[in-house]
Amino acid sequence: MTQLKTSFQQGIGPVRLGNMVVEEVIQDEIRSWSKEALEKINPSFNGLPACPYAESAWADDKVAISFKKSQSYQDLTTIVSTWDDKKELVILVDLKYKPKKEDFYYQINGLNDAIAEGIFIEKDIWLMAFHPDDDPEEIVYGHEDLVSVIDTSYAMIFVQRLSRLHEASEKLKKSGYYKKYEEKFGLDDMLKVRETYYRRLKDEE
C-alpha cells in the first residue's frame, strides 16, 4: 500500500522479514500512507486533505495500530467492547483477511450490524475497511505513488466512534468537501448507510 522512502530510493523491492519486523514495517507504511495520502492537500476534496483530522490525531497520539493474526475476529470485537476513548482511531491490520473482497466486506457489514445491536456492548462504533484487492480508484484515501516494500499483504479495519465520525463528516459536507469526489466516484450511498446507523444510535439514547 505504501513505500518506505529509504527502500524506494535504493530501488529495493518487496522483501521477506521476520514477524516482528514485518509489523514494524507495516506500521511505518501506514504512517507514510497517512502523511502522503491523507494529510496533504487533495483537489478531490475541495482543496482540503483527504482526512483533515489525520495530522493532528497522529500528533496528539490519538491513533493506535493493532494486528489481527488469525481468522477469528476476537481481536476486533475486544477493541470494540473495551473502547475507552484514549484513542480516536484504532487501525487493525488484518493479516488473515478473507481473500475475496466481497466476503471481507460482507463480514465488515455484518459486524457493523452486530455493533449497532449491542452484541459487543459498545454501540457507538463504526468500522471502515480497506482490502488489498480494492481498485485504487475505489479507495477514497489511495495514493498512486505508494507501493509496499514487503511481500506481506494485509487489509485494514478502522475502528472509531460513529458519532464523532458522522458529526465531523456533516461539518465537512457543508464546506463542499465531498462534492468533487462524489461527482467523480460516487460516495453518497456509503454516507447514507452510515447516517442510518447514526440516526438509529441517537434514537436509542
N, C-alpha and C. Protein backbone atom coordinates (compact mmCIF):
# COMPACT_ATOMS: atom_id res chain seq x y z
N MET A 1 0.82 -1.20 0.00
CA MET A 1 0.00 0.00 0.00
C MET A 1 0.86 1.25 0.00
N THR A 2 1.91 1.21 0.77
CA THR A 2 2.79 2.36 0.80
C THR A 2 4.22 1.92 0.59
N GLN A 3 5.12 2.87 0.55
CA GLN A 3 6.52 2.53 0.44
C GLN A 3 7.31 3.35 1.44
N LEU A 4 8.35 2.74 1.99
CA LEU A 4 9.26 3.48 2.84
C LEU A 4 10.24 4.20 1.93
N LYS A 5 10.47 5.47 2.14
CA LYS A 5 11.27 6.27 1.23
C LYS A 5 12.68 5.73 1.08
N THR A 6 13.27 5.22 2.17
CA THR A 6 14.64 4.72 2.07
C THR A 6 14.71 3.53 1.12
N SER A 7 13.75 2.61 1.23
CA SER A 7 13.75 1.44 0.36
C SER A 7 13.50 1.84 -1.08
N PHE A 8 12.60 2.79 -1.30
CA PHE A 8 12.29 3.24 -2.65
C PHE A 8 13.51 3.88 -3.29
N GLN A 9 14.21 4.73 -2.56
CA GLN A 9 15.35 5.44 -3.11
C GLN A 9 16.48 4.48 -3.49
N GLN A 10 16.57 3.37 -2.75
CA GLN A 10 17.63 2.41 -3.03
C GLN A 10 17.21 1.37 -4.06
N GLY A 11 15.97 1.46 -4.50
CA GLY A 11 15.48 0.53 -5.51
C GLY A 11 15.23 -0.86 -4.98
N ILE A 12 14.95 -0.98 -3.68
CA ILE A 12 14.72 -2.28 -3.07
C ILE A 12 13.26 -2.67 -3.26
N GLY A 13 13.02 -3.90 -3.73
CA GLY A 13 11.66 -4.37 -3.92
C GLY A 13 11.14 -5.03 -2.66
N PRO A 14 10.01 -5.74 -2.75
CA PRO A 14 9.44 -6.43 -1.60
C PRO A 14 10.42 -7.43 -1.02
N VAL A 15 10.50 -7.51 0.29
CA VAL A 15 11.42 -8.42 0.95
C VAL A 15 10.69 -9.23 2.00
N ARG A 16 11.23 -10.43 2.31
CA ARG A 16 10.66 -11.27 3.35
C ARG A 16 11.33 -10.92 4.67
N LEU A 17 10.52 -10.77 5.72
CA LEU A 17 11.04 -10.36 7.00
C LEU A 17 10.44 -11.20 8.11
N GLY A 18 11.08 -11.21 9.28
CA GLY A 18 10.53 -11.90 10.43
C GLY A 18 9.25 -11.23 10.89
N ASN A 19 8.43 -11.96 11.66
CA ASN A 19 7.11 -11.45 12.05
C ASN A 19 7.17 -10.09 12.74
N MET A 20 8.08 -9.93 13.70
CA MET A 20 8.14 -8.66 14.42
C MET A 20 8.57 -7.53 13.51
N VAL A 21 9.53 -7.81 12.63
CA VAL A 21 9.99 -6.78 11.71
C VAL A 21 8.89 -6.41 10.73
N VAL A 22 8.12 -7.41 10.29
CA VAL A 22 7.00 -7.14 9.39
C VAL A 22 6.02 -6.16 10.03
N GLU A 23 5.72 -6.37 11.29
CA GLU A 23 4.79 -5.48 11.98
C GLU A 23 5.34 -4.06 12.05
N GLU A 24 6.62 -3.94 12.31
CA GLU A 24 7.23 -2.61 12.38
C GLU A 24 7.18 -1.92 11.02
N VAL A 25 7.47 -2.68 9.96
CA VAL A 25 7.45 -2.11 8.61
C VAL A 25 6.03 -1.70 8.23
N ILE A 26 5.05 -2.54 8.56
CA ILE A 26 3.66 -2.20 8.26
C ILE A 26 3.25 -0.93 8.98
N GLN A 27 3.64 -0.79 10.23
CA GLN A 27 3.32 0.43 10.96
C GLN A 27 3.94 1.65 10.28
N ASP A 28 5.19 1.50 9.82
CA ASP A 28 5.84 2.60 9.10
C ASP A 28 5.13 2.89 7.78
N GLU A 29 4.69 1.82 7.11
CA GLU A 29 3.96 2.01 5.85
C GLU A 29 2.68 2.80 6.06
N ILE A 30 1.95 2.43 7.10
CA ILE A 30 0.68 3.10 7.38
C ILE A 30 0.92 4.57 7.72
N ARG A 31 1.96 4.81 8.50
CA ARG A 31 2.26 6.21 8.85
C ARG A 31 2.65 7.00 7.60
N SER A 32 3.44 6.40 6.72
CA SER A 32 3.83 7.06 5.47
C SER A 32 2.61 7.30 4.59
N TRP A 33 1.73 6.31 4.52
CA TRP A 33 0.48 6.43 3.74
C TRP A 33 -0.35 7.60 4.25
N SER A 34 -0.44 7.71 5.56
CA SER A 34 -1.20 8.82 6.12
C SER A 34 -0.59 10.16 5.72
N LYS A 35 0.72 10.28 5.84
CA LYS A 35 1.38 11.54 5.52
C LYS A 35 1.22 11.90 4.05
N GLU A 36 1.36 10.91 3.17
CA GLU A 36 1.35 11.18 1.73
C GLU A 36 -0.06 11.24 1.14
N ALA A 37 -0.97 10.42 1.65
CA ALA A 37 -2.30 10.31 1.03
C ALA A 37 -3.41 10.98 1.83
N LEU A 38 -3.27 11.04 3.14
CA LEU A 38 -4.36 11.58 3.96
C LEU A 38 -4.16 13.03 4.37
N GLU A 39 -2.91 13.40 4.60
CA GLU A 39 -2.64 14.69 5.24
C GLU A 39 -2.29 15.81 4.27
N LYS A 40 -2.03 15.47 3.02
CA LYS A 40 -1.70 16.50 2.04
C LYS A 40 -2.95 17.04 1.35
N ILE A 41 -2.89 18.28 0.92
CA ILE A 41 -4.00 18.90 0.20
C ILE A 41 -4.37 18.04 -1.01
N ASN A 42 -5.66 17.81 -1.18
CA ASN A 42 -6.14 16.94 -2.25
C ASN A 42 -7.25 17.67 -3.02
N PRO A 43 -7.05 17.93 -4.32
CA PRO A 43 -8.07 18.66 -5.10
C PRO A 43 -9.41 17.94 -5.17
N SER A 44 -9.40 16.61 -4.96
CA SER A 44 -10.66 15.86 -5.00
C SER A 44 -11.55 16.16 -3.80
N PHE A 45 -10.96 16.81 -2.79
CA PHE A 45 -11.72 17.11 -1.57
C PHE A 45 -11.78 18.61 -1.34
N ASN A 46 -12.03 19.34 -2.42
CA ASN A 46 -12.24 20.79 -2.34
C ASN A 46 -11.05 21.52 -1.71
N GLY A 47 -9.86 21.03 -2.04
CA GLY A 47 -8.65 21.70 -1.57
C GLY A 47 -8.27 21.40 -0.13
N LEU A 48 -8.95 20.43 0.48
CA LEU A 48 -8.62 20.00 1.83
C LEU A 48 -7.86 18.67 1.76
N PRO A 49 -7.19 18.29 2.83
CA PRO A 49 -6.59 16.95 2.86
C PRO A 49 -7.68 15.89 2.79
N ALA A 50 -7.34 14.69 2.32
CA ALA A 50 -8.33 13.61 2.26
C ALA A 50 -8.91 13.33 3.64
N CYS A 51 -8.07 13.45 4.66
CA CYS A 51 -8.56 13.36 6.03
C CYS A 51 -8.04 14.58 6.79
N PRO A 52 -8.85 15.62 6.94
CA PRO A 52 -8.39 16.86 7.56
C PRO A 52 -7.94 16.72 9.01
N TYR A 53 -8.35 15.62 9.64
CA TYR A 53 -8.03 15.45 11.07
C TYR A 53 -6.87 14.49 11.32
N ALA A 54 -6.33 13.89 10.28
CA ALA A 54 -5.32 12.85 10.47
C ALA A 54 -4.03 13.39 11.10
N GLU A 55 -3.54 14.50 10.59
CA GLU A 55 -2.26 15.02 11.08
C GLU A 55 -2.31 15.31 12.58
N SER A 56 -3.35 15.97 13.02
CA SER A 56 -3.45 16.31 14.44
C SER A 56 -3.68 15.06 15.29
N ALA A 57 -4.41 14.08 14.76
CA ALA A 57 -4.64 12.85 15.51
C ALA A 57 -3.34 12.11 15.78
N TRP A 58 -2.48 12.02 14.77
CA TRP A 58 -1.17 11.39 14.97
C TRP A 58 -0.33 12.22 15.93
N ALA A 59 -0.33 13.53 15.75
CA ALA A 59 0.49 14.41 16.59
C ALA A 59 0.07 14.34 18.06
N ASP A 60 -1.22 14.13 18.31
CA ASP A 60 -1.74 14.08 19.67
C ASP A 60 -1.77 12.65 20.23
N ASP A 61 -1.15 11.72 19.51
CA ASP A 61 -1.09 10.32 19.94
C ASP A 61 -2.48 9.72 20.14
N LYS A 62 -3.36 10.03 19.19
CA LYS A 62 -4.73 9.55 19.27
C LYS A 62 -5.00 8.38 18.30
N VAL A 63 -3.92 7.86 17.68
CA VAL A 63 -4.06 6.75 16.74
C VAL A 63 -3.26 5.56 17.25
N ALA A 64 -3.87 4.39 17.23
CA ALA A 64 -3.18 3.16 17.62
C ALA A 64 -3.25 2.17 16.46
N ILE A 65 -2.23 1.33 16.35
CA ILE A 65 -2.21 0.28 15.34
C ILE A 65 -2.10 -1.06 16.05
N SER A 66 -3.02 -1.96 15.71
CA SER A 66 -3.02 -3.30 16.29
C SER A 66 -3.02 -4.32 15.16
N PHE A 67 -2.81 -5.60 15.50
CA PHE A 67 -2.69 -6.63 14.47
C PHE A 67 -3.63 -7.80 14.75
N LYS A 68 -4.29 -8.23 13.70
CA LYS A 68 -5.13 -9.43 13.72
C LYS A 68 -4.37 -10.53 12.99
N LYS A 69 -4.05 -11.61 13.71
CA LYS A 69 -3.17 -12.64 13.16
C LYS A 69 -3.85 -13.99 12.98
N SER A 70 -5.17 -14.02 13.12
CA SER A 70 -5.90 -15.27 12.94
C SER A 70 -7.18 -14.99 12.18
N GLN A 71 -7.87 -16.06 11.79
CA GLN A 71 -9.14 -15.91 11.09
C GLN A 71 -10.22 -15.35 12.00
N SER A 72 -10.07 -15.54 13.30
CA SER A 72 -11.05 -15.07 14.27
C SER A 72 -11.09 -13.54 14.31
N TYR A 73 -12.26 -13.01 14.63
CA TYR A 73 -12.42 -11.57 14.78
C TYR A 73 -12.43 -11.16 16.25
N GLN A 74 -11.92 -12.04 17.11
CA GLN A 74 -11.89 -11.76 18.54
C GLN A 74 -11.10 -10.49 18.85
N ASP A 75 -9.99 -10.28 18.16
CA ASP A 75 -9.20 -9.07 18.39
C ASP A 75 -10.03 -7.82 18.12
N LEU A 76 -10.81 -7.86 17.07
CA LEU A 76 -11.63 -6.71 16.70
C LEU A 76 -12.76 -6.49 17.71
N THR A 77 -13.46 -7.54 18.06
CA THR A 77 -14.58 -7.39 18.98
C THR A 77 -14.10 -6.95 20.37
N THR A 78 -12.89 -7.35 20.73
CA THR A 78 -12.33 -6.91 22.02
C THR A 78 -12.06 -5.41 21.99
N ILE A 79 -11.53 -4.92 20.88
CA ILE A 79 -11.30 -3.48 20.73
C ILE A 79 -12.61 -2.72 20.88
N VAL A 80 -13.66 -3.24 20.25
CA VAL A 80 -14.97 -2.57 20.31
C VAL A 80 -15.53 -2.59 21.73
N SER A 81 -15.53 -3.75 22.34
CA SER A 81 -16.19 -3.90 23.65
C SER A 81 -15.45 -3.22 24.78
N THR A 82 -14.16 -2.93 24.58
CA THR A 82 -13.36 -2.30 25.65
C THR A 82 -12.97 -0.87 25.29
N TRP A 83 -13.67 -0.27 24.34
CA TRP A 83 -13.33 1.08 23.89
C TRP A 83 -13.38 2.06 25.05
N ASP A 84 -12.30 2.86 25.22
CA ASP A 84 -12.24 3.77 26.37
C ASP A 84 -11.94 5.22 25.98
N ASP A 85 -11.90 5.50 24.69
CA ASP A 85 -11.68 6.86 24.17
C ASP A 85 -10.28 7.41 24.43
N LYS A 86 -9.36 6.56 24.83
CA LYS A 86 -7.97 7.04 24.94
C LYS A 86 -7.40 7.32 23.55
N LYS A 87 -7.92 6.59 22.56
CA LYS A 87 -7.56 6.82 21.16
C LYS A 87 -8.82 7.21 20.39
N GLU A 88 -8.64 8.00 19.34
CA GLU A 88 -9.78 8.35 18.48
C GLU A 88 -9.94 7.35 17.34
N LEU A 89 -8.85 6.67 17.02
CA LEU A 89 -8.86 5.71 15.92
C LEU A 89 -7.92 4.56 16.24
N VAL A 90 -8.42 3.34 16.04
CA VAL A 90 -7.56 2.16 16.10
C VAL A 90 -7.57 1.53 14.72
N ILE A 91 -6.39 1.37 14.15
CA ILE A 91 -6.25 0.70 12.85
C ILE A 91 -5.87 -0.74 13.12
N LEU A 92 -6.77 -1.66 12.81
CA LEU A 92 -6.49 -3.08 12.98
C LEU A 92 -5.98 -3.64 11.66
N VAL A 93 -4.74 -4.04 11.65
CA VAL A 93 -4.12 -4.62 10.46
C VAL A 93 -4.51 -6.09 10.41
N ASP A 94 -5.25 -6.46 9.39
CA ASP A 94 -5.77 -7.82 9.27
C ASP A 94 -4.82 -8.65 8.39
N LEU A 95 -3.99 -9.45 9.04
CA LEU A 95 -3.03 -10.29 8.32
C LEU A 95 -3.67 -11.59 7.84
N LYS A 96 -4.86 -11.89 8.32
CA LYS A 96 -5.58 -13.12 7.94
C LYS A 96 -6.95 -12.76 7.37
N TYR A 97 -6.97 -11.77 6.49
CA TYR A 97 -8.22 -11.29 5.91
C TYR A 97 -8.80 -12.31 4.94
N LYS A 98 -10.09 -12.19 4.69
CA LYS A 98 -10.74 -13.06 3.71
C LYS A 98 -10.25 -12.68 2.32
N PRO A 99 -9.75 -13.65 1.54
CA PRO A 99 -9.16 -13.35 0.22
C PRO A 99 -10.11 -12.65 -0.74
N LYS A 100 -11.36 -13.07 -0.77
CA LYS A 100 -12.34 -12.44 -1.66
C LYS A 100 -12.87 -11.19 -0.99
N LYS A 101 -12.69 -10.05 -1.68
CA LYS A 101 -13.09 -8.80 -1.02
C LYS A 101 -14.59 -8.74 -0.77
N GLU A 102 -15.40 -9.42 -1.59
CA GLU A 102 -16.84 -9.43 -1.36
C GLU A 102 -17.15 -10.09 0.00
N ASP A 103 -16.44 -11.19 0.30
CA ASP A 103 -16.63 -11.88 1.58
C ASP A 103 -16.13 -11.01 2.73
N PHE A 104 -15.02 -10.33 2.48
CA PHE A 104 -14.43 -9.47 3.50
C PHE A 104 -15.39 -8.35 3.89
N TYR A 105 -15.93 -7.66 2.87
CA TYR A 105 -16.83 -6.54 3.16
C TYR A 105 -18.18 -7.02 3.70
N TYR A 106 -18.60 -8.21 3.31
CA TYR A 106 -19.81 -8.79 3.87
C TYR A 106 -19.63 -8.99 5.38
N GLN A 107 -18.44 -9.45 5.76
CA GLN A 107 -18.14 -9.64 7.18
C GLN A 107 -18.13 -8.31 7.92
N ILE A 108 -17.50 -7.31 7.34
CA ILE A 108 -17.45 -5.99 7.97
C ILE A 108 -18.85 -5.42 8.14
N ASN A 109 -19.67 -5.54 7.11
CA ASN A 109 -21.05 -5.04 7.20
C ASN A 109 -21.81 -5.77 8.31
N GLY A 110 -21.59 -7.06 8.40
CA GLY A 110 -22.25 -7.84 9.44
C GLY A 110 -21.80 -7.42 10.83
N LEU A 111 -20.52 -7.11 10.97
CA LEU A 111 -20.01 -6.66 12.25
C LEU A 111 -20.57 -5.29 12.63
N ASN A 112 -20.72 -4.40 11.64
CA ASN A 112 -21.35 -3.11 11.92
C ASN A 112 -22.80 -3.31 12.39
N ASP A 113 -23.50 -4.26 11.79
CA ASP A 113 -24.85 -4.58 12.24
C ASP A 113 -24.84 -5.08 13.68
N ALA A 114 -23.90 -5.98 13.99
CA ALA A 114 -23.82 -6.55 15.33
C ALA A 114 -23.48 -5.48 16.37
N ILE A 115 -22.60 -4.55 15.99
CA ILE A 115 -22.25 -3.45 16.89
C ILE A 115 -23.49 -2.60 17.18
N ALA A 116 -24.25 -2.30 16.14
CA ALA A 116 -25.47 -1.49 16.30
C ALA A 116 -26.50 -2.19 17.19
N GLU A 117 -26.48 -3.52 17.18
CA GLU A 117 -27.41 -4.28 18.01
C GLU A 117 -26.93 -4.39 19.45
N GLY A 118 -25.69 -3.95 19.71
CA GLY A 118 -25.17 -4.02 21.06
C GLY A 118 -24.58 -5.37 21.42
N ILE A 119 -24.31 -6.17 20.43
CA ILE A 119 -23.75 -7.51 20.67
C ILE A 119 -22.41 -7.43 21.41
N PHE A 120 -21.64 -6.38 21.10
CA PHE A 120 -20.31 -6.23 21.71
C PHE A 120 -20.30 -5.10 22.75
N ILE A 121 -21.46 -4.84 23.34
CA ILE A 121 -21.66 -3.87 24.42
C ILE A 121 -21.68 -2.43 23.88
N GLU A 122 -20.58 -1.98 23.32
CA GLU A 122 -20.47 -0.60 22.84
C GLU A 122 -21.13 -0.46 21.47
N LYS A 123 -22.14 0.44 21.37
CA LYS A 123 -22.86 0.62 20.11
C LYS A 123 -22.31 1.78 19.27
N ASP A 124 -21.68 2.71 19.92
CA ASP A 124 -21.23 3.93 19.22
C ASP A 124 -19.85 3.71 18.59
N ILE A 125 -19.78 2.75 17.70
CA ILE A 125 -18.53 2.41 17.00
C ILE A 125 -18.85 2.15 15.54
N TRP A 126 -17.96 2.57 14.65
CA TRP A 126 -18.12 2.34 13.21
C TRP A 126 -16.85 1.71 12.65
N LEU A 127 -17.02 0.71 11.81
CA LEU A 127 -15.90 0.05 11.14
C LEU A 127 -15.84 0.48 9.68
N MET A 128 -14.67 0.88 9.25
CA MET A 128 -14.43 1.19 7.84
C MET A 128 -13.19 0.41 7.42
N ALA A 129 -13.25 -0.26 6.29
CA ALA A 129 -12.18 -1.19 5.95
C ALA A 129 -11.62 -0.97 4.55
N PHE A 130 -10.41 -1.50 4.35
CA PHE A 130 -9.72 -1.47 3.06
C PHE A 130 -9.18 -2.86 2.79
N HIS A 131 -9.44 -3.36 1.58
CA HIS A 131 -8.98 -4.70 1.18
C HIS A 131 -7.88 -4.57 0.12
N PRO A 132 -6.89 -5.46 0.13
CA PRO A 132 -5.80 -5.35 -0.85
C PRO A 132 -6.24 -5.37 -2.30
N ASP A 133 -7.41 -5.97 -2.58
CA ASP A 133 -7.89 -6.06 -3.97
C ASP A 133 -8.78 -4.90 -4.37
N ASP A 134 -8.94 -3.92 -3.51
CA ASP A 134 -9.70 -2.73 -3.89
C ASP A 134 -9.05 -2.06 -5.08
N ASP A 135 -9.88 -1.63 -6.03
CA ASP A 135 -9.37 -0.83 -7.13
C ASP A 135 -8.87 0.49 -6.56
N PRO A 136 -7.68 0.95 -7.00
CA PRO A 136 -7.15 2.22 -6.47
C PRO A 136 -8.13 3.36 -6.56
N GLU A 137 -8.97 3.38 -7.60
CA GLU A 137 -9.94 4.47 -7.75
C GLU A 137 -11.12 4.31 -6.80
N GLU A 138 -11.25 3.10 -6.19
CA GLU A 138 -12.32 2.89 -5.24
C GLU A 138 -11.91 3.31 -3.84
N ILE A 139 -10.61 3.47 -3.64
CA ILE A 139 -10.11 3.81 -2.32
C ILE A 139 -10.12 5.32 -2.15
N VAL A 140 -10.94 5.77 -1.26
CA VAL A 140 -11.08 7.21 -1.05
C VAL A 140 -9.74 7.83 -0.70
N TYR A 141 -8.92 7.09 0.02
CA TYR A 141 -7.68 7.65 0.51
C TYR A 141 -6.46 7.02 -0.17
N GLY A 142 -6.59 6.60 -1.41
CA GLY A 142 -5.49 5.98 -2.12
C GLY A 142 -4.44 6.99 -2.55
N HIS A 143 -3.29 6.48 -2.95
CA HIS A 143 -2.23 7.35 -3.45
C HIS A 143 -1.41 6.55 -4.45
N GLU A 144 -1.35 7.03 -5.69
CA GLU A 144 -0.77 6.26 -6.79
C GLU A 144 0.73 6.02 -6.65
N ASP A 145 1.44 6.83 -5.91
CA ASP A 145 2.90 6.70 -5.82
C ASP A 145 3.35 5.79 -4.69
N LEU A 146 2.42 5.24 -3.92
CA LEU A 146 2.80 4.46 -2.76
C LEU A 146 2.64 2.97 -3.03
N VAL A 147 3.74 2.23 -2.87
CA VAL A 147 3.73 0.79 -3.06
C VAL A 147 4.41 0.14 -1.87
N SER A 148 4.08 -1.12 -1.62
CA SER A 148 4.64 -1.82 -0.47
C SER A 148 6.06 -2.29 -0.73
N VAL A 149 6.86 -2.38 0.33
CA VAL A 149 8.23 -2.87 0.20
C VAL A 149 8.36 -4.28 0.77
N ILE A 150 7.27 -4.86 1.24
CA ILE A 150 7.30 -6.22 1.75
C ILE A 150 6.29 -7.07 0.99
N ASP A 151 6.46 -8.38 1.04
CA ASP A 151 5.55 -9.25 0.29
C ASP A 151 4.40 -9.75 1.15
N THR A 152 4.15 -9.10 2.25
CA THR A 152 3.04 -9.45 3.13
C THR A 152 1.86 -8.53 2.83
N SER A 153 0.78 -9.10 2.32
CA SER A 153 -0.40 -8.29 2.05
C SER A 153 -1.28 -8.26 3.29
N TYR A 154 -2.06 -7.21 3.41
CA TYR A 154 -2.92 -7.08 4.59
C TYR A 154 -4.09 -6.16 4.28
N ALA A 155 -5.17 -6.39 5.01
CA ALA A 155 -6.31 -5.49 4.97
C ALA A 155 -6.22 -4.59 6.19
N MET A 156 -7.00 -3.53 6.19
CA MET A 156 -7.04 -2.64 7.34
C MET A 156 -8.50 -2.40 7.74
N ILE A 157 -8.74 -2.40 9.04
CA ILE A 157 -10.06 -2.09 9.58
C ILE A 157 -9.91 -0.91 10.51
N PHE A 158 -10.56 0.20 10.18
CA PHE A 158 -10.52 1.40 11.00
C PHE A 158 -11.67 1.33 12.01
N VAL A 159 -11.34 1.48 13.28
CA VAL A 159 -12.32 1.43 14.35
C VAL A 159 -12.38 2.81 15.01
N GLN A 160 -13.56 3.40 15.06
CA GLN A 160 -13.68 4.74 15.63
C GLN A 160 -15.12 5.00 16.08
N ARG A 161 -15.30 6.07 16.84
CA ARG A 161 -16.64 6.45 17.28
C ARG A 161 -17.51 6.80 16.08
N LEU A 162 -18.68 6.19 15.98
CA LEU A 162 -19.64 6.51 14.93
C LEU A 162 -20.10 7.95 15.05
N SER A 163 -20.45 8.37 16.25
CA SER A 163 -20.99 9.71 16.44
C SER A 163 -19.97 10.78 16.08
N ARG A 164 -18.75 10.59 16.52
CA ARG A 164 -17.70 11.57 16.23
C ARG A 164 -17.43 11.64 14.73
N LEU A 165 -17.36 10.48 14.09
CA LEU A 165 -17.09 10.43 12.65
C LEU A 165 -18.21 11.07 11.86
N HIS A 166 -19.44 10.73 12.17
CA HIS A 166 -20.57 11.26 11.40
C HIS A 166 -20.72 12.76 11.58
N GLU A 167 -20.59 13.23 12.79
CA GLU A 167 -20.75 14.66 13.05
C GLU A 167 -19.65 15.48 12.40
N ALA A 168 -18.42 14.96 12.39
CA ALA A 168 -17.33 15.64 11.69
C ALA A 168 -17.58 15.64 10.19
N SER A 169 -18.12 14.52 9.69
CA SER A 169 -18.43 14.40 8.26
C SER A 169 -19.49 15.40 7.83
N GLU A 170 -20.48 15.62 8.67
CA GLU A 170 -21.54 16.57 8.35
C GLU A 170 -20.99 17.99 8.24
N LYS A 171 -20.05 18.33 9.10
CA LYS A 171 -19.43 19.66 9.02
C LYS A 171 -18.64 19.81 7.72
N LEU A 172 -17.93 18.76 7.33
CA LEU A 172 -17.15 18.80 6.10
C LEU A 172 -18.06 18.88 4.87
N LYS A 173 -19.18 18.19 4.94
CA LYS A 173 -20.11 18.19 3.80
C LYS A 173 -20.58 19.61 3.49
N LYS A 174 -20.81 20.41 4.52
CA LYS A 174 -21.27 21.78 4.33
C LYS A 174 -20.21 22.65 3.66
N SER A 175 -18.95 22.27 3.77
CA SER A 175 -17.86 23.04 3.16
C SER A 175 -17.60 22.65 1.72
N GLY A 176 -18.35 21.65 1.21
CA GLY A 176 -18.14 21.17 -0.16
C GLY A 176 -17.05 20.12 -0.26
N TYR A 177 -16.65 19.61 0.87
CA TYR A 177 -15.55 18.63 0.94
C TYR A 177 -15.79 17.42 0.04
N TYR A 178 -17.01 16.90 0.02
CA TYR A 178 -17.29 15.67 -0.72
C TYR A 178 -17.70 15.90 -2.17
N LYS A 179 -17.97 17.12 -2.57
CA LYS A 179 -18.62 17.38 -3.85
C LYS A 179 -17.86 16.81 -5.05
N LYS A 180 -16.58 17.14 -5.18
CA LYS A 180 -15.82 16.68 -6.34
C LYS A 180 -15.64 15.17 -6.35
N TYR A 181 -15.39 14.61 -5.19
CA TYR A 181 -15.20 13.15 -5.12
C TYR A 181 -16.50 12.44 -5.45
N GLU A 182 -17.60 12.96 -4.96
CA GLU A 182 -18.90 12.36 -5.24
C GLU A 182 -19.19 12.40 -6.74
N GLU A 183 -18.87 13.51 -7.40
CA GLU A 183 -19.11 13.64 -8.83
C GLU A 183 -18.27 12.65 -9.63
N LYS A 184 -17.06 12.36 -9.16
CA LYS A 184 -16.15 11.50 -9.91
C LYS A 184 -16.33 10.02 -9.61
N PHE A 185 -16.51 9.69 -8.33
CA PHE A 185 -16.51 8.28 -7.94
C PHE A 185 -17.82 7.82 -7.29
N GLY A 186 -18.59 8.73 -6.75
CA GLY A 186 -19.79 8.34 -6.02
C GLY A 186 -19.44 7.99 -4.58
N LEU A 187 -20.16 8.56 -3.67
CA LEU A 187 -19.89 8.33 -2.25
C LEU A 187 -21.17 8.42 -1.45
N ASP A 188 -22.21 8.90 -2.06
CA ASP A 188 -23.44 9.23 -1.35
C ASP A 188 -24.07 8.03 -0.66
N ASP A 189 -24.04 6.87 -1.32
CA ASP A 189 -24.67 5.68 -0.74
C ASP A 189 -24.00 5.28 0.56
N MET A 190 -22.67 5.32 0.58
CA MET A 190 -21.93 4.96 1.79
C MET A 190 -22.25 5.91 2.93
N LEU A 191 -22.31 7.21 2.61
CA LEU A 191 -22.61 8.21 3.64
C LEU A 191 -24.02 8.03 4.18
N LYS A 192 -24.96 7.66 3.31
CA LYS A 192 -26.34 7.45 3.74
C LYS A 192 -26.46 6.23 4.65
N VAL A 193 -25.70 5.18 4.33
CA VAL A 193 -25.71 3.99 5.18
C VAL A 193 -25.20 4.33 6.57
N ARG A 194 -24.10 5.06 6.62
CA ARG A 194 -23.53 5.44 7.92
C ARG A 194 -24.49 6.35 8.69
N GLU A 195 -25.16 7.25 7.98
CA GLU A 195 -26.12 8.14 8.63
C GLU A 195 -27.28 7.35 9.24
N THR A 196 -27.69 6.29 8.55
CA THR A 196 -28.77 5.45 9.07
C THR A 196 -28.40 4.85 10.42
N TYR A 197 -27.17 4.37 10.51
CA TYR A 197 -26.70 3.81 11.78
C TYR A 197 -26.61 4.90 12.84
N TYR A 198 -26.17 6.08 12.46
CA TYR A 198 -26.05 7.19 13.40
C TYR A 198 -27.43 7.59 13.94
N ARG A 199 -28.40 7.72 13.05
CA ARG A 199 -29.76 8.09 13.47
C ARG A 199 -30.34 7.04 14.42
N ARG A 200 -30.05 5.81 14.10
CA ARG A 200 -30.52 4.71 14.95
C ARG A 200 -29.90 4.81 16.34
N LEU A 201 -28.62 5.11 16.38
CA LEU A 201 -27.93 5.26 17.66
C LEU A 201 -28.53 6.39 18.48
N LYS A 202 -28.78 7.53 17.85
CA LYS A 202 -29.31 8.69 18.55
C LYS A 202 -30.75 8.46 19.01
N ASP A 203 -31.52 7.72 18.21
CA ASP A 203 -32.91 7.45 18.58
C ASP A 203 -32.99 6.59 19.83
N GLU A 204 -31.94 5.80 20.08
CA GLU A 204 -31.93 4.91 21.23
C GLU A 204 -31.42 5.57 22.50
N GLU A 205 -30.88 6.78 22.39
CA GLU A 205 -30.33 7.45 23.56
C GLU A 205 -31.44 8.01 24.46
